[in-house]
N, C-alpha and C. Protein backbone atom coordinates (compact mmCIF):
# COMPACT_ATOMS: atom_id res chain seq x y z
N MET A 1 39.20 -25.70 -14.58
CA MET A 1 40.25 -26.63 -14.20
C MET A 1 40.62 -26.38 -12.75
N ALA A 2 40.84 -27.44 -12.00
CA ALA A 2 41.15 -27.32 -10.58
C ALA A 2 42.56 -26.77 -10.38
N ALA A 3 42.70 -26.01 -9.32
CA ALA A 3 44.01 -25.47 -8.98
C ALA A 3 44.90 -26.59 -8.45
N GLN A 4 46.19 -26.40 -8.57
CA GLN A 4 47.14 -27.44 -8.13
C GLN A 4 46.98 -27.73 -6.64
N GLY A 5 46.70 -26.71 -5.84
CA GLY A 5 46.53 -26.91 -4.39
C GLY A 5 45.37 -27.83 -4.09
N GLU A 6 44.26 -27.68 -4.84
CA GLU A 6 43.10 -28.55 -4.63
C GLU A 6 43.42 -29.99 -5.02
N ILE A 7 44.17 -30.17 -6.08
CA ILE A 7 44.55 -31.51 -6.53
C ILE A 7 45.44 -32.18 -5.47
N ASP A 8 46.36 -31.39 -4.90
CA ASP A 8 47.23 -31.94 -3.86
C ASP A 8 46.44 -32.37 -2.63
N LYS A 9 45.43 -31.56 -2.25
CA LYS A 9 44.59 -31.90 -1.11
C LYS A 9 43.80 -33.17 -1.38
N GLU A 10 43.24 -33.28 -2.57
CA GLU A 10 42.46 -34.47 -2.92
C GLU A 10 43.35 -35.71 -2.95
N THR A 11 44.55 -35.56 -3.47
CA THR A 11 45.49 -36.68 -3.52
C THR A 11 45.83 -37.14 -2.11
N ALA A 12 46.04 -36.20 -1.19
CA ALA A 12 46.36 -36.54 0.19
C ALA A 12 45.20 -37.29 0.84
N VAL A 13 43.98 -36.84 0.59
CA VAL A 13 42.81 -37.51 1.17
C VAL A 13 42.67 -38.92 0.61
N HIS A 14 42.84 -39.08 -0.67
CA HIS A 14 42.74 -40.40 -1.29
C HIS A 14 43.86 -41.32 -0.80
N ARG A 15 45.04 -40.77 -0.62
CA ARG A 15 46.16 -41.58 -0.13
C ARG A 15 45.89 -42.07 1.29
N GLN A 16 45.32 -41.21 2.15
CA GLN A 16 44.99 -41.62 3.51
C GLN A 16 43.95 -42.74 3.50
N GLY A 17 42.95 -42.61 2.65
CA GLY A 17 41.94 -43.65 2.53
C GLY A 17 42.53 -44.96 2.04
N TYR A 18 43.42 -44.88 1.08
CA TYR A 18 44.07 -46.08 0.55
C TYR A 18 44.94 -46.75 1.61
N GLU A 19 45.70 -45.95 2.36
CA GLU A 19 46.54 -46.50 3.40
C GLU A 19 45.71 -47.16 4.49
N ARG A 20 44.57 -46.56 4.82
CA ARG A 20 43.67 -47.14 5.81
C ARG A 20 43.12 -48.48 5.30
N PHE A 21 42.75 -48.53 4.03
CA PHE A 21 42.25 -49.76 3.43
C PHE A 21 43.31 -50.86 3.45
N ILE A 22 44.52 -50.53 3.09
CA ILE A 22 45.60 -51.51 3.06
C ILE A 22 45.89 -52.04 4.46
N SER A 23 45.89 -51.16 5.46
CA SER A 23 46.16 -51.62 6.82
C SER A 23 45.04 -52.54 7.30
N MET A 24 43.78 -52.22 6.97
CA MET A 24 42.66 -53.09 7.34
C MET A 24 42.76 -54.43 6.62
N PHE A 25 43.17 -54.42 5.36
CA PHE A 25 43.31 -55.64 4.57
C PHE A 25 44.39 -56.53 5.18
N ARG A 26 45.50 -55.93 5.58
CA ARG A 26 46.59 -56.70 6.19
C ARG A 26 46.14 -57.33 7.51
N MET A 27 45.46 -56.54 8.34
CA MET A 27 44.98 -57.07 9.61
C MET A 27 43.99 -58.20 9.37
N GLY A 28 43.12 -58.05 8.40
CA GLY A 28 42.16 -59.10 8.07
C GLY A 28 42.85 -60.37 7.61
N ALA A 29 43.90 -60.22 6.83
CA ALA A 29 44.64 -61.39 6.35
C ALA A 29 45.32 -62.11 7.51
N VAL A 30 45.89 -61.37 8.44
CA VAL A 30 46.54 -61.97 9.60
C VAL A 30 45.51 -62.70 10.46
N ILE A 31 44.37 -62.07 10.69
CA ILE A 31 43.32 -62.70 11.50
C ILE A 31 42.81 -63.96 10.83
N CYS A 32 42.60 -63.93 9.52
CA CYS A 32 42.16 -65.13 8.79
C CYS A 32 43.19 -66.24 8.88
N PHE A 33 44.45 -65.90 8.78
CA PHE A 33 45.51 -66.90 8.88
C PHE A 33 45.50 -67.55 10.26
N ILE A 34 45.37 -66.75 11.31
CA ILE A 34 45.34 -67.28 12.67
C ILE A 34 44.12 -68.17 12.87
N LEU A 35 42.96 -67.73 12.41
CA LEU A 35 41.75 -68.54 12.55
C LEU A 35 41.87 -69.85 11.78
N ALA A 36 42.42 -69.80 10.58
CA ALA A 36 42.59 -71.01 9.79
C ALA A 36 43.53 -71.98 10.50
N PHE A 37 44.59 -71.47 11.10
CA PHE A 37 45.53 -72.31 11.83
C PHE A 37 44.84 -72.98 13.02
N ILE A 38 44.02 -72.22 13.74
CA ILE A 38 43.29 -72.78 14.88
C ILE A 38 42.32 -73.86 14.42
N VAL A 39 41.60 -73.61 13.33
CA VAL A 39 40.66 -74.60 12.81
C VAL A 39 41.40 -75.88 12.39
N ILE A 40 42.52 -75.73 11.74
CA ILE A 40 43.30 -76.89 11.32
C ILE A 40 43.76 -77.69 12.54
N LEU A 41 44.18 -77.00 13.59
CA LEU A 41 44.59 -77.69 14.82
C LEU A 41 43.42 -78.43 15.44
N LEU A 42 42.25 -77.81 15.45
CA LEU A 42 41.08 -78.45 16.04
C LEU A 42 40.63 -79.67 15.23
N ILE A 43 40.70 -79.58 13.93
CA ILE A 43 40.29 -80.69 13.07
C ILE A 43 41.26 -81.85 13.19
N SER A 44 42.53 -81.56 13.33
CA SER A 44 43.53 -82.62 13.35
C SER A 44 43.53 -83.44 14.65
N LYS A 45 42.86 -82.94 15.68
CA LYS A 45 42.83 -83.68 16.96
C LYS A 45 41.85 -84.82 16.91
């Protein structure tokens, strides 16, 4: 069985990876929204 210290280290590593994924997902969503807005503006002209 893993020691509590090892579990805490693994949890910290997984949390950092998850936070990095969420921040990339948010940035991607914002970029997609901006691009969609630009495309809609171009089509409407």
